[in-house]
PDB file of N, CA and C in Angstrom:
ATOM      1  N   MET A   1      -5.228   9.283  25.907  1.00  0.00           N
ATOM      2  CA  MET A   1      -4.225   8.654  24.397  1.00  0.00           C
ATOM      3  C   MET A   1      -4.958   8.513  23.486  1.00  0.00           C
ATOM      4  N   GLU A   2      -4.483   9.090  22.579  1.00  0.00           N
ATOM      5  CA  GLU A   2      -4.787   8.582  21.028  1.00  0.00           C
ATOM      6  C   GLU A   2      -4.686   7.363  20.551  1.00  0.00           C
ATOM      7  N   GLU A   3      -5.699   6.832  20.031  1.00  0.00           N
ATOM      8  CA  GLU A   3      -5.220   5.531  19.142  1.00  0.00           C
ATOM      9  C   GLU A   3      -5.286   5.502  17.983  1.00  0.00           C
ATOM     10  N   ASN A   4      -4.226   4.821  17.411  1.00  0.00           N
ATOM     11  CA  ASN A   4      -3.701   4.930  16.116  1.00  0.00           C
ATOM     12  C   ASN A   4      -4.407   3.671  15.405  1.00  0.00           C
ATOM     13  N   LYS A   5      -5.029   4.108  14.306  1.00  0.00           N
ATOM     14  CA  LYS A   5      -6.071   3.415  13.653  1.00  0.00           C
ATOM     15  C   LYS A   5      -5.176   2.010  12.680  1.00  0.00           C
ATOM     16  N   GLU A   6      -4.105   2.529  12.578  1.00  0.00           N
ATOM     17  CA  GLU A   6      -3.195   1.629  11.874  1.00  0.00           C
ATOM     18  C   GLU A   6      -2.132   1.228  12.462  1.00  0.00           C
ATOM     19  N   LEU A   7      -2.073  -0.286  13.147  1.00  0.00           N
ATOM     20  CA  LEU A   7      -0.980  -0.639  13.879  1.00  0.00           C
ATOM     21  C   LEU A   7       0.116  -0.837  13.487  1.00  0.00           C
ATOM     22  N   ALA A   8       0.277  -1.286  11.797  1.00  0.00           N
ATOM     23  CA  ALA A   8       1.777  -1.259  11.496  1.00  0.00           C
ATOM     24  C   ALA A   8       2.032  -0.323  10.623  1.00  0.00           C
ATOM     25  N   PRO A   9       3.072   0.360  10.342  1.00  0.00           N
ATOM     26  CA  PRO A   9       3.144   0.776   9.036  1.00  0.00           C
ATOM     27  C   PRO A   9       3.241   0.586   7.830  1.00  0.00           C
ATOM     28  N   ARG A  10       2.675   0.906   6.562  1.00  0.00           N
ATOM     29  CA  ARG A  10       2.294   0.097   5.768  1.00  0.00           C
ATOM     30  C   ARG A  10       3.569  -0.550   4.790  1.00  0.00           C
ATOM     31  N   GLY A  11       4.783   0.317   5.020  1.00  0.00           N
ATOM     32  CA  GLY A  11       5.730  -0.318   4.540  1.00  0.00           C
ATOM     33  C   GLY A  11       6.224  -1.703   5.139  1.00  0.00           C
ATOM     34  N   THR A  12       6.302  -1.701   6.450  1.00  0.00           N
ATOM     35  CA  THR A  12       6.231  -3.237   7.142  1.00  0.00           C
ATOM     36  C   THR A  12       5.412  -4.330   6.699  1.00  0.00           C
ATOM     37  N   MET A  13       4.016  -4.024   6.624  1.00  0.00           N
ATOM     38  CA  MET A  13       3.114  -5.097   5.990  1.00  0.00           C
ATOM     39  C   MET A  13       3.425  -5.426   4.481  1.00  0.00           C
ATOM     40  N   VAL A  14       3.629  -4.426   3.629  1.00  0.00           N
ATOM     41  CA  VAL A  14       4.115  -5.012   1.969  1.00  0.00           C
ATOM     42  C   VAL A  14       5.335  -5.805   2.195  1.00  0.00           C
ATOM     43  N   LEU A  15       6.604  -5.293   3.149  1.00  0.00           N
ATOM     44  CA  LEU A  15       7.483  -6.475   3.166  1.00  0.00           C
ATOM     45  C   LEU A  15       7.067  -7.638   3.862  1.00  0.00           C
ATOM     46  N   ALA A  16       6.240  -7.481   4.521  1.00  0.00           N
ATOM     47  CA  ALA A  16       6.117  -8.888   5.205  1.00  0.00           C
ATOM     48  C   ALA A  16       5.186  -9.732   4.403  1.00  0.00           C
ATOM     49  N   MET A  17       4.245  -9.028   3.893  1.00  0.00           N
ATOM     50  CA  MET A  17       3.150  -9.669   2.633  1.00  0.00           C
ATOM     51  C   MET A  17       4.415 -10.422   1.572  1.00  0.00           C
ATOM     52  N   VAL A  18       5.493  -9.446   1.162  1.00  0.00           N
ATOM     53  CA  VAL A  18       6.257  -9.895  -0.069  1.00  0.00           C
ATOM     54  C   VAL A  18       7.008 -11.256   0.409  1.00  0.00           C
ATOM     55  N   PHE A  19       7.599 -11.032   1.616  1.00  0.00           N
ATOM     56  CA  PHE A  19       8.678 -12.352   2.248  1.00  0.00           C
ATOM     57  C   PHE A  19       7.610 -13.365   2.336  1.00  0.00           C
ATOM     58  N   PHE A  20       6.442 -13.315   2.834  1.00  0.00           N
ATOM     59  CA  PHE A  20       5.732 -14.478   2.989  1.00  0.00           C
ATOM     60  C   PHE A  20       4.969 -15.070   1.870  1.00  0.00           C
ATOM     61  N   GLY A  21       4.922 -14.455   0.716  1.00  0.00           N
ATOM     62  CA  GLY A  21       4.332 -15.063  -0.689  1.00  0.00           C
ATOM     63  C   GLY A  21       5.948 -15.363  -1.416  1.00  0.00           C
ATOM     64  N   SER A  22       6.980 -14.790  -1.234  1.00  0.00           N
ATOM     65  CA  SER A  22       8.084 -15.295  -1.769  1.00  0.00           C
ATOM     66  C   SER A  22       8.362 -16.963  -1.052  1.00  0.00           C
ATOM     67  N   PHE A  23       8.196 -16.867   0.203  1.00  0.00           N
ATOM     68  CA  PHE A  23       8.277 -18.002   1.073  1.00  0.00           C
ATOM     69  C   PHE A  23       7.477 -19.236   0.701  1.00  0.00           C
ATOM     70  N   ILE A  24       6.056 -19.014   0.543  1.00  0.00           N
ATOM     71  CA  ILE A  24       5.235 -19.868  -0.106  1.00  0.00           C
ATOM     72  C   ILE A  24       5.505 -20.418  -1.579  1.00  0.00           C
ATOM     73  N   LEU A  25       6.104 -19.381  -2.409  1.00  0.00           N
ATOM     74  CA  LEU A  25       6.010 -19.828  -3.599  1.00  0.00           C
ATOM     75  C   LEU A  25       7.327 -20.696  -3.627  1.00  0.00           C
ATOM     76  N   TYR A  26       8.785 -20.127  -3.026  1.00  0.00           N
ATOM     77  CA  TYR A  26       9.850 -20.921  -2.864  1.00  0.00           C
ATOM     78  C   TYR A  26       9.479 -22.723  -2.395  1.00  0.00           C
ATOM     79  N   TYR A  27       8.875 -22.506  -1.404  1.00  0.00           N
ATOM     80  CA  TYR A  27       8.165 -23.913  -0.714  1.00  0.00           C
ATOM     81  C   TYR A  27       7.614 -24.765  -1.914  1.00  0.00           C
ATOM     82  N   PHE A  28       6.691 -24.208  -2.393  1.00  0.00           N
ATOM     83  CA  PHE A  28       5.767 -25.154  -3.361  1.00  0.00           C
ATOM     84  C   PHE A  28       6.632 -25.837  -4.819  1.00  0.00           C
ATOM     85  N   LEU A  29       7.829 -24.926  -5.034  1.00  0.00           N
ATOM     86  CA  LEU A  29       8.557 -24.793  -5.874  1.00  0.00           C
ATOM     87  C   LEU A  29       9.455 -26.006  -5.872  1.00  0.00           C
ATOM     88  N   ASN A  30      10.309 -25.790  -4.452  1.00  0.00           N
ATOM     89  CA  ASN A  30      11.038 -26.796  -4.187  1.00  0.00           C
ATOM     90  C   ASN A  30      10.273 -28.277  -4.167  1.00  0.00           C
ATOM     91  N   TRP A  31       9.036 -28.422  -3.630  1.00  0.00           N
ATOM     92  CA  TRP A  31       8.399 -29.795  -3.499  1.00  0.00           C
ATOM     93  C   TRP A  31       8.026 -30.218  -4.763  1.00  0.00           C
ATOM     94  N   LYS A  32       7.869 -29.639  -5.622  1.00  0.00           N
ATOM     95  CA  LYS A  32       7.825 -29.692  -7.284  1.00  0.00           C
ATOM     96  C   LYS A  32       9.117 -29.792  -7.832  1.00  0.00           C
ATOM     97  N   TRP A  33      10.109 -29.585  -7.731  1.00  0.00           N
ATOM     98  CA  TRP A  33      11.278 -29.985  -7.823  1.00  0.00           C
ATOM     99  C   TRP A  33      11.638 -31.350  -7.651  1.00  0.00           C
ATOM    100  N   LEU A  34      11.618 -31.550  -6.244  1.00  0.00           N
ATOM    101  CA  LEU A  34      12.046 -32.929  -5.377  1.00  0.00           C
ATOM    102  C   LEU A  34      11.142 -34.050  -6.128  1.00  0.00           C
ATOM    103  N   SER A  35       9.707 -33.473  -6.315  1.00  0.00           N
ATOM    104  CA  SER A  35       8.768 -34.649  -6.854  1.00  0.00           C
ATOM    105  C   SER A  35       9.651 -34.977  -8.131  1.00  0.00           C
ATOM    106  N   ASN A  36      10.140 -34.258  -8.701  1.00  0.00           N
ATOM    107  CA  ASN A  36      10.380 -34.548  -9.990  1.00  0.00           C
ATOM    108  C   ASN A  36      11.606 -35.570  -9.954  1.00  0.00           C
ATOM    109  N   LEU A  37      12.592 -34.964  -9.087  1.00  0.00           N
ATOM    110  CA  LEU A  37      13.753 -36.000  -8.922  1.00  0.00           C
ATOM    111  C   LEU A  37      13.479 -37.272  -8.377  1.00  0.00           C
ATOM    112  N   TRP A  38      12.670 -37.188  -7.357  1.00  0.00           N
ATOM    113  CA  TRP A  38      12.704 -38.504  -6.494  1.00  0.00           C
ATOM    114  C   TRP A  38      11.018 -39.219  -7.055  1.00  0.00           C
ATOM    115  N   TYR A  39      11.305 -40.258  -7.624  1.00  0.00           N
ATOM    116  CA  TYR A  39      10.612 -41.324  -8.024  1.00  0.00           C
ATOM    117  C   TYR A  39       9.932 -42.234  -7.193  1.00  0.00           C
ATOM    118  N   VAL A  40       8.719 -41.822  -6.517  1.00  0.00           N
ATOM    119  CA  VAL A  40       8.103 -42.791  -5.445  1.00  0.00           C
ATOM    120  C   VAL A  40       7.453 -43.696  -5.925  1.00  0.00           C
ATOM    121  N   ARG A  41       7.840 -44.765  -5.574  1.00  0.00           N
ATOM    122  CA  ARG A  41       6.859 -45.911  -6.256  1.00  0.00           C
ATOM    123  C   ARG A  41       5.881 -46.635  -5.152  1.00  0.00           C
TER     124      ARG A  41
END
């Protein structure tokens, strides 16, 4: 059996990283927006 050195195709990894990065950005931007709307005392 031949072993494939690259487990996932490059495009799949790029799409996964773009999705993960946009999710993290969206998550933190929503927290910032929510903290500006709700004043916690």
